Amino acid sequence: SGIWSISPEEAPEPFDLPIGEDETIYIVSGHIRIEVQGGDMLELTAGSMASLSKGAMTRWTILEPTIEFFVYS
């Protein structure tokens, strides 16, 4: 588990991120969009949670400075 923070300035373009472990995320603050290849598009803001499966291919867009709490399982 851990805390991750990122801003639009650090990631001005959408980026691809393969999910290496089952992961649950909780957005402490901010706004991100995660597109899961062949699946859902997640709009996550403060208070939102999502679970991502190991092996999923995702594309992340950072829309506001974001702080995320994550847990690998």
N, C-alpha and C. Protein backbone atom coordinates (compact mmCIF):
# COMPACT_ATOMS: atom_id res chain seq x y z
N SER A 1 0.85 -1.18 0.00
CA SER A 1 0.00 0.00 0.00
C SER A 1 0.88 1.23 0.00
N GLY A 2 0.30 2.35 -0.34
CA GLY A 2 1.06 3.58 -0.35
C GLY A 2 0.22 4.75 -0.81
N ILE A 3 0.89 5.88 -0.87
CA ILE A 3 0.29 7.13 -1.34
C ILE A 3 1.03 7.55 -2.61
N TRP A 4 0.29 7.97 -3.61
CA TRP A 4 0.87 8.45 -4.86
C TRP A 4 0.26 9.80 -5.15
N SER A 5 1.08 10.76 -5.51
CA SER A 5 0.56 12.07 -5.90
C SER A 5 1.15 12.44 -7.25
N ILE A 6 0.31 13.12 -8.05
CA ILE A 6 0.71 13.52 -9.40
C ILE A 6 -0.11 14.73 -9.80
N SER A 7 0.47 15.55 -10.66
CA SER A 7 -0.22 16.74 -11.16
C SER A 7 -0.27 16.70 -12.69
N PRO A 8 -1.16 17.49 -13.28
CA PRO A 8 -1.20 17.57 -14.74
C PRO A 8 0.12 18.06 -15.34
N GLU A 9 0.86 18.85 -14.59
CA GLU A 9 2.15 19.33 -15.09
C GLU A 9 3.16 18.19 -15.19
N GLU A 10 3.07 17.23 -14.27
CA GLU A 10 3.98 16.08 -14.28
C GLU A 10 3.60 15.06 -15.37
N ALA A 11 2.33 15.03 -15.72
CA ALA A 11 1.84 14.10 -16.75
C ALA A 11 0.85 14.84 -17.64
N PRO A 12 1.37 15.73 -18.51
CA PRO A 12 0.47 16.56 -19.32
C PRO A 12 -0.29 15.78 -20.40
N GLU A 13 0.18 14.60 -20.75
CA GLU A 13 -0.47 13.77 -21.76
C GLU A 13 -0.95 12.47 -21.12
N PRO A 14 -2.01 11.86 -21.66
CA PRO A 14 -2.41 10.54 -21.16
C PRO A 14 -1.25 9.56 -21.29
N PHE A 15 -1.16 8.62 -20.34
CA PHE A 15 -0.08 7.63 -20.39
C PHE A 15 -0.64 6.24 -20.13
N ASP A 16 -0.01 5.25 -20.78
CA ASP A 16 -0.42 3.86 -20.63
C ASP A 16 0.26 3.26 -19.42
N LEU A 17 -0.50 2.44 -18.68
CA LEU A 17 0.03 1.80 -17.48
C LEU A 17 -0.54 0.39 -17.38
N PRO A 18 0.32 -0.64 -17.62
CA PRO A 18 -0.16 -2.00 -17.40
C PRO A 18 -0.24 -2.26 -15.89
N ILE A 19 -1.29 -2.93 -15.46
CA ILE A 19 -1.49 -3.20 -14.04
C ILE A 19 -0.78 -4.51 -13.69
N GLY A 20 0.24 -4.41 -12.82
CA GLY A 20 1.08 -5.55 -12.51
C GLY A 20 0.57 -6.42 -11.37
N GLU A 21 -0.30 -5.89 -10.54
CA GLU A 21 -0.90 -6.62 -9.42
C GLU A 21 -2.35 -6.17 -9.29
N ASP A 22 -3.20 -7.03 -8.72
CA ASP A 22 -4.54 -6.55 -8.40
C ASP A 22 -4.38 -5.32 -7.51
N GLU A 23 -5.12 -4.27 -7.81
CA GLU A 23 -4.92 -3.00 -7.12
C GLU A 23 -6.26 -2.34 -6.84
N THR A 24 -6.40 -1.83 -5.64
CA THR A 24 -7.55 -1.01 -5.28
C THR A 24 -7.03 0.39 -4.98
N ILE A 25 -7.71 1.39 -5.54
CA ILE A 25 -7.28 2.77 -5.33
C ILE A 25 -8.42 3.59 -4.73
N TYR A 26 -8.04 4.56 -3.91
CA TYR A 26 -8.96 5.50 -3.31
C TYR A 26 -8.42 6.89 -3.59
N ILE A 27 -9.24 7.76 -4.16
CA ILE A 27 -8.81 9.12 -4.49
C ILE A 27 -9.06 10.02 -3.28
N VAL A 28 -7.96 10.47 -2.67
CA VAL A 28 -8.04 11.36 -1.52
C VAL A 28 -8.46 12.75 -1.97
N SER A 29 -7.83 13.23 -3.06
CA SER A 29 -8.19 14.52 -3.64
C SER A 29 -7.79 14.50 -5.11
N GLY A 30 -8.46 15.34 -5.90
CA GLY A 30 -8.11 15.47 -7.31
C GLY A 30 -9.12 14.83 -8.24
N HIS A 31 -8.65 14.59 -9.48
CA HIS A 31 -9.52 14.08 -10.54
C HIS A 31 -8.64 13.40 -11.58
N ILE A 32 -8.90 12.10 -11.81
CA ILE A 32 -8.21 11.36 -12.86
C ILE A 32 -9.23 10.57 -13.67
N ARG A 33 -8.83 10.23 -14.87
CA ARG A 33 -9.63 9.36 -15.73
C ARG A 33 -8.76 8.14 -16.05
N ILE A 34 -9.35 6.96 -15.88
CA ILE A 34 -8.66 5.72 -16.24
C ILE A 34 -9.51 4.98 -17.25
N GLU A 35 -8.93 4.73 -18.42
CA GLU A 35 -9.61 3.94 -19.45
C GLU A 35 -9.01 2.54 -19.41
N VAL A 36 -9.85 1.54 -19.20
CA VAL A 36 -9.41 0.15 -19.17
C VAL A 36 -9.65 -0.44 -20.56
N GLN A 37 -8.56 -0.91 -21.20
CA GLN A 37 -8.69 -1.46 -22.55
C GLN A 37 -9.70 -2.60 -22.55
N GLY A 38 -10.69 -2.49 -23.43
CA GLY A 38 -11.72 -3.51 -23.53
C GLY A 38 -12.72 -3.48 -22.39
N GLY A 39 -12.71 -2.38 -21.62
CA GLY A 39 -13.60 -2.31 -20.46
C GLY A 39 -14.13 -0.92 -20.23
N ASP A 40 -14.18 -0.55 -18.98
CA ASP A 40 -14.82 0.69 -18.55
C ASP A 40 -13.89 1.90 -18.65
N MET A 41 -14.51 3.08 -18.64
CA MET A 41 -13.79 4.33 -18.44
C MET A 41 -14.21 4.83 -17.06
N LEU A 42 -13.24 5.06 -16.20
CA LEU A 42 -13.50 5.47 -14.83
C LEU A 42 -13.16 6.94 -14.65
N GLU A 43 -14.12 7.72 -14.17
CA GLU A 43 -13.90 9.12 -13.79
C GLU A 43 -13.81 9.12 -12.27
N LEU A 44 -12.65 9.38 -11.73
CA LEU A 44 -12.44 9.28 -10.30
C LEU A 44 -12.11 10.65 -9.71
N THR A 45 -12.87 11.02 -8.69
CA THR A 45 -12.66 12.28 -7.97
C THR A 45 -12.57 11.95 -6.47
N ALA A 46 -12.35 12.97 -5.66
CA ALA A 46 -12.19 12.76 -4.22
C ALA A 46 -13.30 11.88 -3.67
N GLY A 47 -12.90 10.84 -2.94
CA GLY A 47 -13.86 9.91 -2.35
C GLY A 47 -14.18 8.71 -3.21
N SER A 48 -13.72 8.69 -4.46
CA SER A 48 -13.98 7.56 -5.36
C SER A 48 -13.00 6.42 -5.10
N MET A 49 -13.47 5.20 -5.34
CA MET A 49 -12.63 4.01 -5.25
C MET A 49 -12.80 3.20 -6.52
N ALA A 50 -11.75 2.45 -6.86
CA ALA A 50 -11.82 1.53 -8.00
C ALA A 50 -10.87 0.36 -7.76
N SER A 51 -11.22 -0.76 -8.35
CA SER A 51 -10.34 -1.93 -8.31
C SER A 51 -9.93 -2.26 -9.74
N LEU A 52 -8.64 -2.51 -9.92
CA LEU A 52 -8.08 -2.85 -11.23
C LEU A 52 -7.46 -4.23 -11.14
N SER A 53 -7.70 -5.05 -12.14
CA SER A 53 -7.23 -6.42 -12.14
C SER A 53 -5.83 -6.54 -12.73
N LYS A 54 -5.04 -7.42 -12.14
CA LYS A 54 -3.71 -7.73 -12.66
C LYS A 54 -3.81 -8.07 -14.14
N GLY A 55 -2.92 -7.49 -14.93
CA GLY A 55 -2.90 -7.75 -16.36
C GLY A 55 -3.69 -6.77 -17.20
N ALA A 56 -4.50 -5.93 -16.56
CA ALA A 56 -5.29 -4.95 -17.32
C ALA A 56 -4.36 -3.91 -17.94
N MET A 57 -4.68 -3.50 -19.15
CA MET A 57 -3.97 -2.40 -19.80
C MET A 57 -4.83 -1.15 -19.60
N THR A 58 -4.22 -0.11 -19.08
CA THR A 58 -4.97 1.10 -18.77
C THR A 58 -4.30 2.33 -19.37
N ARG A 59 -5.10 3.36 -19.59
CA ARG A 59 -4.59 4.67 -20.01
C ARG A 59 -5.11 5.69 -19.00
N TRP A 60 -4.17 6.43 -18.40
CA TRP A 60 -4.47 7.38 -17.34
C TRP A 60 -4.36 8.80 -17.86
N THR A 61 -5.33 9.64 -17.49
CA THR A 61 -5.30 11.07 -17.78
C THR A 61 -5.43 11.79 -16.44
N ILE A 62 -4.48 12.66 -16.15
CA ILE A 62 -4.48 13.41 -14.89
C ILE A 62 -5.14 14.75 -15.17
N LEU A 63 -6.33 14.97 -14.60
CA LEU A 63 -7.11 16.16 -14.89
C LEU A 63 -6.92 17.27 -13.85
N GLU A 64 -6.56 16.90 -12.62
CA GLU A 64 -6.27 17.85 -11.54
C GLU A 64 -5.16 17.25 -10.69
N PRO A 65 -4.45 18.07 -9.92
CA PRO A 65 -3.50 17.48 -8.98
C PRO A 65 -4.23 16.44 -8.12
N THR A 66 -3.65 15.25 -8.03
CA THR A 66 -4.35 14.11 -7.42
C THR A 66 -3.48 13.43 -6.38
N ILE A 67 -4.10 13.05 -5.28
CA ILE A 67 -3.47 12.20 -4.27
C ILE A 67 -4.30 10.92 -4.21
N GLU A 68 -3.61 9.79 -4.35
CA GLU A 68 -4.26 8.49 -4.41
C GLU A 68 -3.66 7.58 -3.34
N PHE A 69 -4.51 6.86 -2.63
CA PHE A 69 -4.08 5.81 -1.72
C PHE A 69 -4.32 4.49 -2.47
N PHE A 70 -3.30 3.63 -2.53
CA PHE A 70 -3.43 2.38 -3.26
C PHE A 70 -3.05 1.19 -2.41
N VAL A 71 -3.67 0.05 -2.72
CA VAL A 71 -3.37 -1.22 -2.04
C VAL A 71 -3.24 -2.29 -3.11
N TYR A 72 -2.11 -2.99 -3.13
CA TYR A 72 -1.93 -4.16 -3.99
C TYR A 72 -2.38 -5.40 -3.24
N SER A 73 -3.00 -6.31 -3.97
CA SER A 73 -3.42 -7.56 -3.30
C SER A 73 -3.13 -8.76 -4.17
